[in-house]
Protein backbone atom coordinates (compact mmCIF):
# COMPACT_ATOMS: atom_id res chain seq x y z
CA MET A 1 0.00 0.00 0.00
CA LEU A 2 2.76 2.46 0.93
CA LEU A 3 4.68 1.60 -2.25
CA LYS A 4 1.60 2.29 -4.41
CA LYS A 5 1.06 5.65 -2.71
CA MET A 6 4.69 6.67 -3.30
CA ILE A 7 4.60 5.70 -6.97
CA SER A 8 1.30 7.57 -7.35
CA PHE A 9 2.92 10.62 -5.74
CA LEU A 10 5.80 10.51 -8.21
CA LEU A 11 3.47 10.18 -11.19
CA LYS A 12 1.35 13.16 -10.14
CA LYS A 13 4.13 15.49 -9.02
CA ASN A 14 6.76 15.07 -11.69
CA LYS A 15 6.02 14.77 -15.42
CA LYS A 16 9.60 13.75 -16.17
CA THR A 17 9.45 11.06 -13.50
CA SER A 18 6.11 9.93 -14.90
CA TYR A 19 7.70 9.55 -18.34
CA ILE A 20 10.56 7.51 -16.92
CA LEU A 21 8.29 5.27 -14.88
CA LYS A 22 6.08 4.57 -17.86
CA LYS A 23 8.67 4.25 -20.62
CA VAL A 24 11.54 2.59 -18.82
CA ARG A 25 9.35 0.59 -16.44
CA VAL A 26 11.14 1.83 -13.36
CA GLY A 27 8.01 1.02 -11.39
CA LYS A 28 8.50 -2.70 -11.95
CA SER A 29 12.20 -2.61 -11.11
CA VAL A 30 11.38 -0.70 -7.93
CA LEU A 31 8.94 -3.39 -6.90
CA GLU A 32 11.69 -5.96 -7.24
CA ASP A 33 14.46 -3.91 -5.61
CA GLU A 34 15.44 -5.45 -2.27
CA CYS A 35 16.64 -2.16 -0.77
CA PHE A 36 13.45 -0.36 -1.78
CA ILE A 37 11.25 -3.10 -0.35
CA LYS A 38 13.17 -3.14 2.94
CA THR A 39 12.98 0.65 3.28
CA LEU A 40 9.24 0.66 2.68
CA ALA A 41 8.74 -2.06 5.25
CA LEU A 42 10.79 -0.16 7.86
CA SER A 43 8.88 3.05 7.08
CA GLU A 44 5.55 1.35 7.60
CA GLU A 45 6.77 -0.28 10.81
CA GLU A 46 7.89 3.10 12.19
CA ILE A 47 4.62 4.79 11.26
CA ASN A 48 2.69 2.17 13.23
CA LYS A 49 4.76 2.46 16.42
CA SER A 50 3.35 4.00 19.58
CA PRO A 51 3.22 5.98 21.78
CA SER A 52 3.52 9.36 20.08
CA ARG A 53 5.90 12.16 20.99
CA SER A 54 2.92 14.02 22.49
CA GLU A 55 2.26 11.23 24.98
CA ILE A 56 5.93 11.09 25.91
CA ILE A 57 6.14 14.84 26.47
CA ASN A 58 2.99 14.85 28.58
CA PHE A 59 4.40 12.10 30.79
CA LEU A 60 7.65 14.02 31.22
CA MET A 61 5.53 17.01 32.25
CA THR A 62 4.18 14.99 35.17
CA LEU A 63 7.76 14.58 36.44
CA THR A 64 8.29 18.36 36.60
CA ASP A 65 6.31 21.40 37.73
CA SER A 66 4.48 21.50 34.38
CA GLU A 67 4.49 25.29 34.23
CA ASN A 68 6.35 26.22 31.04
CA TYR A 69 6.64 24.39 27.72
CA LEU A 70 8.49 25.51 24.60
CA GLU A 71 8.19 23.93 21.15
CA ILE A 72 10.71 24.70 18.42
CA GLY A 73 9.33 23.83 14.99
CA VAL A 74 5.54 23.68 14.94
CA ARG A 75 4.24 23.74 11.37
CA ASN A 76 0.83 22.21 12.18
CA PRO A 77 0.03 22.78 15.90
CA GLU A 78 -2.61 20.04 15.79
CA SER A 79 0.12 17.45 15.27
CA ASN A 80 1.66 18.02 18.71
CA PHE A 81 1.50 21.51 20.23
CA PHE A 82 -2.25 21.53 20.97
CA LYS A 83 -1.96 18.10 22.60
CA ILE A 84 0.55 19.16 25.25
CA LYS A 85 -0.87 19.68 28.73
CA CYS A 86 0.91 22.58 30.37
CA LYS A 87 -0.04 25.84 32.08
CA ASN A 88 2.06 28.07 29.80
CA LYS A 89 2.90 26.96 26.27
CA TYR A 90 5.01 28.82 23.71
CA SER A 91 5.85 27.94 20.12
CA VAL A 92 8.53 29.08 17.68
CA ASP A 93 8.45 28.64 13.90
CA PRO A 94 9.45 30.92 10.99
CA GLY A 95 6.51 29.51 9.02
CA LEU A 96 8.43 28.49 5.90
CA GLU A 97 6.43 25.27 5.50
CA SER A 98 2.89 26.48 6.17
CA GLU A 99 0.49 28.92 4.54
CA LYS A 100 -0.58 30.31 7.92
CA ASN A 101 1.95 30.48 10.74
CA ALA A 102 0.24 29.64 14.02
CA ALA A 103 3.37 29.97 16.18
CA ASP A 104 3.55 32.43 19.06
CA PHE A 105 6.90 33.61 17.74
CA ALA A 106 7.06 33.65 13.94
CA ILE A 107 10.85 33.70 13.80
CA THR A 108 13.73 31.25 13.62
CA SER A 109 14.88 29.54 16.80
CA ASP A 110 18.22 31.39 16.55
CA ALA A 111 16.41 34.73 16.52
CA PHE A 112 14.09 33.61 19.32
CA PHE A 113 16.90 32.72 21.71
CA GLU A 114 18.87 35.83 20.78
CA LEU A 115 15.91 38.08 21.57
CA LEU A 116 15.05 36.10 24.71
CA SER A 117 18.61 36.42 25.99
CA HIS A 118 18.40 40.22 25.64
CA ASN A 119 14.90 40.35 27.11
CA LYS A 120 13.36 41.68 23.88
CA LEU A 121 10.49 39.25 23.28
CA GLY A 122 7.82 41.03 25.24
CA LYS A 123 5.63 38.00 25.96
CA ILE A 124 8.24 36.30 28.15
CA ASN A 125 11.24 37.49 30.14
CA ASN A 126 14.78 36.19 30.01
CA ASP A 127 14.51 34.77 33.53
CA ILE A 128 12.03 32.13 32.35
CA LYS A 129 12.88 28.45 32.77
CA PHE A 130 11.09 25.72 30.86
CA ASP A 131 10.06 22.31 32.17
CA VAL A 132 10.25 20.77 28.71
CA ILE A 133 11.69 22.12 25.48
CA PHE A 134 10.77 20.12 22.39
CA ILE A 135 13.12 20.52 19.42
CA ASP A 136 11.51 19.66 16.09
CA GLY A 137 12.75 22.45 13.83
CA LEU A 138 15.27 22.16 11.02
CA HIS A 139 16.36 18.51 11.11
CA LEU A 140 20.02 19.12 10.31
CA SER A 141 22.69 18.33 12.89
CA TYR A 142 24.30 21.78 13.02
CA GLN A 143 20.96 23.48 13.72
CA VAL A 144 19.82 20.86 16.21
CA GLU A 145 23.10 21.34 18.07
CA LYS A 146 22.51 25.09 18.27
CA ASP A 147 18.96 24.51 19.50
CA ILE A 148 20.21 22.16 22.21
CA LEU A 149 22.92 24.57 23.38
CA ASN A 150 20.43 27.45 23.54
CA SER A 151 17.83 25.28 25.28
CA LEU A 152 20.30 24.30 28.00
CA LYS A 153 20.40 27.96 29.07
CA PHE A 154 16.65 28.06 29.66
CA ILE A 155 15.76 24.60 30.96
CA LYS A 156 14.96 23.94 34.61
CA ASP A 157 17.39 21.83 36.58
CA ASN A 158 14.83 19.02 36.64
CA GLY A 159 13.58 19.72 33.12
CA PHE A 160 13.88 17.79 29.87
CA ILE A 161 15.05 18.63 26.37
CA VAL A 162 13.22 16.41 23.89
CA LEU A 163 14.31 15.80 20.30
CA HIS A 164 12.33 14.32 17.45
CA ASP A 165 13.67 12.13 14.58
CA CYS A 166 16.65 10.68 16.45
CA ASN A 167 16.30 7.14 15.10
CA PRO A 168 16.11 7.14 11.27
CA PRO A 169 15.29 3.62 9.98
CA THR A 170 17.55 3.88 6.91
CA GLU A 171 20.18 6.07 5.32
CA TYR A 172 17.51 7.41 2.97
CA HIS A 173 15.46 8.77 5.87
CA GLN A 174 18.54 10.57 7.21
CA ARG A 175 19.48 12.27 3.94
CA GLU A 176 20.54 15.89 4.36
CA ASN A 177 18.39 17.25 1.52
CA TYR A 178 14.68 17.11 2.38
CA TYR A 179 13.70 17.86 -1.21
CA TYR A 180 15.43 14.79 -2.61
CA ARG A 181 12.38 12.54 -2.61
CA ASN A 182 13.14 10.12 -5.44
CA SER A 183 14.49 7.58 -2.99
CA PRO A 184 13.13 4.54 -1.15
CA ALA A 185 12.11 6.82 1.74
CA GLY A 186 10.01 9.03 -0.55
CA ILE A 187 8.75 12.13 1.26
CA LEU A 188 9.60 10.69 4.70
CA TRP A 189 12.49 12.60 6.26
CA ASN A 190 14.31 12.52 9.60
CA GLY A 191 17.36 14.47 8.52
CA THR A 192 20.55 14.31 10.58
CA ALA A 193 19.09 15.13 13.98
CA TRP A 194 20.51 11.83 15.25
CA LYS A 195 24.05 13.15 14.83
CA ALA A 196 23.43 16.02 17.24
CA PHE A 197 21.80 13.68 19.73
CA TYR A 198 24.69 11.24 19.45
CA LYS A 199 27.17 14.08 19.98
CA PHE A 200 25.46 15.16 23.19
CA ARG A 201 25.39 11.56 24.36
CA HIS A 202 29.09 12.20 25.06
CA ASP A 203 28.44 15.27 27.22
CA GLN A 204 29.27 14.06 30.73
CA SER A 205 27.05 16.72 32.31
CA LEU A 206 23.98 15.20 30.64
CA LYS A 207 22.14 11.89 30.70
CA SER A 208 20.07 10.71 27.78
CA ILE A 209 17.79 8.09 26.33
CA CYS A 210 16.04 7.56 22.99
CA PHE A 211 12.60 5.98 22.94
CA ASP A 212 12.03 3.55 20.11
CA THR A 213 8.86 5.11 18.74
CA ASP A 214 7.71 7.99 16.51
CA TRP A 215 11.02 8.07 14.55
CA GLY A 216 13.09 8.18 17.73
CA VAL A 217 12.24 10.52 20.61
CA GLY A 218 15.48 11.56 22.28
CA VAL A 219 15.53 12.96 25.82
CA LEU A 220 18.33 14.91 27.52
CA SER A 221 18.45 15.57 31.26
CA LYS A 222 20.88 17.03 33.78
CA ASN A 223 19.79 14.50 36.41
CA GLU A 224 20.39 10.89 37.40
CA ILE A 225 17.29 9.11 36.12
CA PRO A 226 16.81 5.34 35.70
CA MET A 227 18.00 4.05 32.31
CA LEU A 228 19.39 7.44 31.21
CA ASN A 229 23.14 7.36 30.66
CA ASN A 230 25.93 8.80 28.49
CA LEU A 231 28.83 7.57 26.39
CA LYS A 232 32.46 7.82 27.48
CA GLU A 233 34.12 7.19 24.12
CA ASN A 234 33.17 8.25 20.61
CA GLU A 235 33.03 5.04 18.59
CA ASN A 236 31.60 6.78 15.52
CA GLU A 237 33.94 9.71 15.02
CA PHE A 238 32.75 10.46 11.48
CA TYR A 239 29.05 9.87 12.21
CA GLU A 240 28.67 7.03 9.71
CA PHE A 241 25.13 5.75 9.34
CA ASP A 242 26.23 2.13 8.91
CA LEU A 243 27.90 2.25 12.33
CA LEU A 244 24.77 3.74 13.87
CA ASP A 245 22.67 1.03 12.26
CA LYS A 246 24.82 -1.70 13.79
CA ASN A 247 24.97 -0.08 17.24
CA ARG A 248 21.63 1.68 17.71
CA ASN A 249 20.95 0.39 21.20
CA LYS A 250 24.30 1.59 22.54
CA PHE A 251 24.81 4.76 20.50
CA LEU A 252 21.29 6.09 21.10
CA ASN A 253 20.49 4.27 24.35
CA LEU A 254 17.44 3.00 22.48
CA ASN A 255 14.69 1.73 24.79
CA SER A 256 10.99 1.05 25.08
CA PHE A 257 9.03 3.97 26.51
CA ASP A 258 6.47 1.70 28.15
CA SER A 259 9.18 -0.25 29.96
CA TRP A 260 10.78 2.98 31.14
CA VAL A 261 7.46 4.32 32.48
CA LYS A 262 6.89 1.14 34.46
CA LEU A 263 10.36 1.48 35.99
CA ILE A 264 9.75 5.13 36.91
CA GLU A 265 6.38 4.31 38.45
CA ARG A 266 7.81 1.43 40.50
CA LYS A 267 10.54 3.69 41.82
CA SER A 268 7.99 6.38 42.65
CA LYS A 269 5.91 3.91 44.70
CA ARG A 270 8.98 2.77 46.64
CA ASN A 271 9.78 6.39 47.52
């Protein structure tokens, strides 16, 4: 089903592609391509995983004061922002991917943090601390790194920085160019957010975990929390995807969210 939808998308969106598919019978060769078939299967598997990032964020909120939430990269607020349960919620998005920008701050995250640092935002002051900051903006490692560094300045000591798209199923999902869609991953895109998450897994002042759902939901914390850890040595110096693929559990600290919640709840009852 997913394969048929992708081929249909190519036929409708690109006349040149349509010509190739029809005249050279690329469609048939795609159906028989082992790599393409595997990528489609992994895409469908990831799409069907649960829980969602919204559920994870809301649970993390219960572990903090649940006063202030910041979301970087909104696009459609119905996808996540509106689902978050928090007293004060703020969103940042320059609106490049939507006809109507619904974000509270219609600017880039760089501009947002720059203005916040100098107390020039108006709606919020630079002494604010967030319980959870969710980073889902530009999915390229250099930008995700900047968003993490800026977020660390405004997160509560017991707060969480949450990252989306930290566990790309294949190298096609983690391509750098979002607009290159003539690949087995089609329009699905995680970018290179995993590289920034992996880099901060080596920060000894932070603990982290990646939940194996919703394309990989990474969590960074300053505290000692069950199952959260860090890496001492960099075993993937050049950030090769093949190495990540072979060592996901270790490199990302990949775990089940449901299992983690049960552990947290058991510990809470003992205390």
